Amino acid sequence: MVNGKCEMKSYYKYELADAAGVSTRTFGRWLQQQSEQLSQWGVTPRSQLLPPVAVEWICNQYGIDEGEL
């Protein structure tokens, strides 16, 4: 915890899909729609491990509770 806020870490796509309650295939489709934004952080369609900045953005974008991770 940093300054009263949880510090985000890297997660695998399958972990985020599980936290969102969808299949990895559906989650991949969600990310395809956001490929331009994600590519700014070096995330490609073949990336499995997502960097913390991308994880935080995805959680905010899709309403994934960080506590479930």
N, C-alpha and C. Protein backbone atom coordinates (compact mmCIF):
# COMPACT_ATOMS: atom_id res chain seq x y z
N MET A 1 0.84 -1.17 0.00
CA MET A 1 0.00 0.00 0.00
C MET A 1 0.89 1.25 0.00
N VAL A 2 0.62 2.18 -0.89
CA VAL A 2 1.39 3.40 -0.99
C VAL A 2 0.43 4.59 -0.83
N ASN A 3 0.72 5.44 0.17
CA ASN A 3 -0.12 6.61 0.42
C ASN A 3 -1.60 6.25 0.55
N GLY A 4 -1.90 5.15 1.22
CA GLY A 4 -3.28 4.74 1.44
C GLY A 4 -3.96 4.12 0.24
N LYS A 5 -3.24 3.88 -0.84
CA LYS A 5 -3.81 3.30 -2.05
C LYS A 5 -3.05 2.03 -2.40
N CYS A 6 -3.79 1.00 -2.83
CA CYS A 6 -3.15 -0.25 -3.24
C CYS A 6 -2.30 0.01 -4.48
N GLU A 7 -1.09 -0.52 -4.46
CA GLU A 7 -0.22 -0.39 -5.61
C GLU A 7 -0.51 -1.54 -6.57
N MET A 8 -0.78 -1.22 -7.80
CA MET A 8 -1.12 -2.22 -8.81
C MET A 8 0.15 -2.97 -9.22
N LYS A 9 -0.02 -4.24 -9.59
CA LYS A 9 1.10 -5.03 -10.08
C LYS A 9 0.71 -5.67 -11.40
N SER A 10 1.64 -6.33 -12.04
CA SER A 10 1.37 -7.00 -13.31
C SER A 10 0.49 -8.22 -13.09
N TYR A 11 -0.40 -8.47 -14.04
CA TYR A 11 -1.27 -9.64 -13.98
C TYR A 11 -1.34 -10.27 -15.37
N TYR A 12 -1.64 -11.57 -15.37
CA TYR A 12 -1.86 -12.28 -16.63
C TYR A 12 -3.28 -12.00 -17.10
N LYS A 13 -3.47 -12.10 -18.41
CA LYS A 13 -4.79 -11.87 -18.98
C LYS A 13 -5.83 -12.82 -18.38
N TYR A 14 -5.45 -14.07 -18.18
CA TYR A 14 -6.41 -15.04 -17.65
C TYR A 14 -6.85 -14.68 -16.23
N GLU A 15 -5.96 -14.05 -15.45
CA GLU A 15 -6.33 -13.63 -14.10
C GLU A 15 -7.35 -12.49 -14.13
N LEU A 16 -7.15 -11.56 -15.05
CA LEU A 16 -8.10 -10.46 -15.19
C LEU A 16 -9.44 -10.95 -15.73
N ALA A 17 -9.40 -11.89 -16.68
CA ALA A 17 -10.63 -12.46 -17.22
C ALA A 17 -11.41 -13.15 -16.11
N ASP A 18 -10.72 -13.89 -15.26
CA ASP A 18 -11.36 -14.58 -14.15
C ASP A 18 -12.00 -13.58 -13.18
N ALA A 19 -11.28 -12.50 -12.87
CA ALA A 19 -11.80 -11.48 -11.96
C ALA A 19 -13.01 -10.77 -12.56
N ALA A 20 -13.05 -10.66 -13.90
CA ALA A 20 -14.18 -10.02 -14.59
C ALA A 20 -15.35 -10.98 -14.77
N GLY A 21 -15.10 -12.27 -14.57
CA GLY A 21 -16.15 -13.27 -14.70
C GLY A 21 -16.48 -13.63 -16.14
N VAL A 22 -15.48 -13.52 -17.02
CA VAL A 22 -15.67 -13.87 -18.43
C VAL A 22 -14.58 -14.84 -18.87
N SER A 23 -14.79 -15.44 -20.03
CA SER A 23 -13.78 -16.36 -20.56
C SER A 23 -12.58 -15.56 -21.07
N THR A 24 -11.47 -16.24 -21.23
CA THR A 24 -10.29 -15.57 -21.76
C THR A 24 -10.52 -15.11 -23.20
N ARG A 25 -11.34 -15.84 -23.93
CA ARG A 25 -11.65 -15.45 -25.31
C ARG A 25 -12.45 -14.14 -25.33
N THR A 26 -13.46 -14.04 -24.48
CA THR A 26 -14.24 -12.81 -24.39
C THR A 26 -13.36 -11.65 -23.94
N PHE A 27 -12.51 -11.91 -22.97
CA PHE A 27 -11.62 -10.87 -22.47
C PHE A 27 -10.69 -10.39 -23.58
N GLY A 28 -10.19 -11.31 -24.37
CA GLY A 28 -9.34 -10.95 -25.51
C GLY A 28 -10.07 -10.07 -26.51
N ARG A 29 -11.35 -10.36 -26.71
CA ARG A 29 -12.16 -9.52 -27.61
C ARG A 29 -12.33 -8.12 -27.04
N TRP A 30 -12.51 -8.02 -25.74
CA TRP A 30 -12.60 -6.71 -25.09
C TRP A 30 -11.32 -5.92 -25.36
N LEU A 31 -10.18 -6.60 -25.20
CA LEU A 31 -8.91 -5.92 -25.37
C LEU A 31 -8.64 -5.54 -26.82
N GLN A 32 -9.16 -6.33 -27.75
CA GLN A 32 -9.00 -5.99 -29.17
C GLN A 32 -9.62 -4.64 -29.48
N GLN A 33 -10.73 -4.34 -28.84
CA GLN A 33 -11.41 -3.07 -29.06
C GLN A 33 -10.61 -1.89 -28.53
N GLN A 34 -9.68 -2.16 -27.63
CA GLN A 34 -8.88 -1.12 -27.01
C GLN A 34 -7.41 -1.21 -27.42
N SER A 35 -7.13 -1.85 -28.54
CA SER A 35 -5.75 -2.12 -28.94
C SER A 35 -4.91 -0.85 -29.11
N GLU A 36 -5.51 0.22 -29.60
CA GLU A 36 -4.74 1.45 -29.80
C GLU A 36 -4.24 2.00 -28.46
N GLN A 37 -5.11 2.03 -27.47
CA GLN A 37 -4.72 2.52 -26.14
C GLN A 37 -3.69 1.60 -25.50
N LEU A 38 -3.93 0.30 -25.57
CA LEU A 38 -3.03 -0.67 -24.93
C LEU A 38 -1.66 -0.72 -25.60
N SER A 39 -1.60 -0.46 -26.89
CA SER A 39 -0.31 -0.50 -27.57
C SER A 39 0.62 0.60 -27.07
N GLN A 40 0.07 1.66 -26.51
CA GLN A 40 0.90 2.72 -25.94
C GLN A 40 1.73 2.21 -24.77
N TRP A 41 1.25 1.16 -24.12
CA TRP A 41 1.96 0.58 -22.98
C TRP A 41 2.71 -0.70 -23.37
N GLY A 42 2.80 -0.98 -24.66
CA GLY A 42 3.54 -2.13 -25.13
C GLY A 42 2.76 -3.43 -25.10
N VAL A 43 1.45 -3.36 -24.96
CA VAL A 43 0.61 -4.55 -24.93
C VAL A 43 0.21 -4.91 -26.36
N THR A 44 0.53 -6.13 -26.76
CA THR A 44 0.16 -6.63 -28.08
C THR A 44 -0.89 -7.73 -27.91
N PRO A 45 -1.54 -8.15 -28.99
CA PRO A 45 -2.52 -9.23 -28.87
C PRO A 45 -1.93 -10.53 -28.30
N ARG A 46 -0.64 -10.73 -28.47
CA ARG A 46 0.01 -11.94 -27.96
C ARG A 46 0.57 -11.79 -26.55
N SER A 47 0.53 -10.60 -26.01
CA SER A 47 1.02 -10.38 -24.64
C SER A 47 0.19 -11.19 -23.66
N GLN A 48 0.84 -11.85 -22.75
CA GLN A 48 0.13 -12.60 -21.71
C GLN A 48 0.16 -11.87 -20.37
N LEU A 49 1.33 -11.32 -20.04
CA LEU A 49 1.51 -10.59 -18.80
C LEU A 49 1.36 -9.10 -19.08
N LEU A 50 0.41 -8.47 -18.40
CA LEU A 50 0.13 -7.06 -18.65
C LEU A 50 0.81 -6.19 -17.61
N PRO A 51 1.39 -5.07 -18.03
CA PRO A 51 2.08 -4.18 -17.09
C PRO A 51 1.09 -3.49 -16.14
N PRO A 52 1.56 -3.04 -14.99
CA PRO A 52 0.68 -2.43 -13.99
C PRO A 52 -0.17 -1.27 -14.51
N VAL A 53 0.38 -0.43 -15.35
CA VAL A 53 -0.38 0.71 -15.86
C VAL A 53 -1.55 0.23 -16.72
N ALA A 54 -1.35 -0.81 -17.51
CA ALA A 54 -2.42 -1.37 -18.33
C ALA A 54 -3.46 -2.07 -17.46
N VAL A 55 -3.01 -2.77 -16.44
CA VAL A 55 -3.93 -3.46 -15.53
C VAL A 55 -4.84 -2.45 -14.84
N GLU A 56 -4.27 -1.38 -14.35
CA GLU A 56 -5.07 -0.35 -13.67
C GLU A 56 -6.10 0.25 -14.63
N TRP A 57 -5.68 0.55 -15.85
CA TRP A 57 -6.58 1.13 -16.84
C TRP A 57 -7.71 0.15 -17.18
N ILE A 58 -7.37 -1.12 -17.39
CA ILE A 58 -8.37 -2.15 -17.72
C ILE A 58 -9.37 -2.30 -16.58
N CYS A 59 -8.88 -2.32 -15.34
CA CYS A 59 -9.77 -2.44 -14.18
C CYS A 59 -10.75 -1.28 -14.13
N ASN A 60 -10.26 -0.08 -14.37
CA ASN A 60 -11.13 1.10 -14.37
C ASN A 60 -12.10 1.07 -15.54
N GLN A 61 -11.63 0.67 -16.71
CA GLN A 61 -12.44 0.66 -17.92
C GLN A 61 -13.58 -0.35 -17.85
N TYR A 62 -13.31 -1.53 -17.30
CA TYR A 62 -14.29 -2.61 -17.31
C TYR A 62 -14.90 -2.90 -15.94
N GLY A 63 -14.62 -2.07 -14.97
CA GLY A 63 -15.24 -2.22 -13.65
C GLY A 63 -14.79 -3.47 -12.90
N ILE A 64 -13.56 -3.86 -13.09
CA ILE A 64 -13.02 -5.02 -12.37
C ILE A 64 -12.55 -4.54 -11.00
N ASP A 65 -13.04 -5.19 -9.96
CA ASP A 65 -12.67 -4.83 -8.60
C ASP A 65 -11.24 -5.27 -8.32
N GLU A 66 -10.39 -4.33 -7.96
CA GLU A 66 -8.99 -4.64 -7.70
C GLU A 66 -8.83 -5.59 -6.52
N GLY A 67 -9.81 -5.62 -5.63
CA GLY A 67 -9.76 -6.52 -4.49
C GLY A 67 -9.91 -7.99 -4.88
N GLU A 68 -10.49 -8.24 -6.05
CA GLU A 68 -10.66 -9.62 -6.51
C GLU A 68 -9.40 -10.19 -7.13
N LEU A 69 -8.42 -9.34 -7.36
CA LEU A 69 -7.18 -9.81 -7.99
C LEU A 69 -6.22 -10.37 -6.98
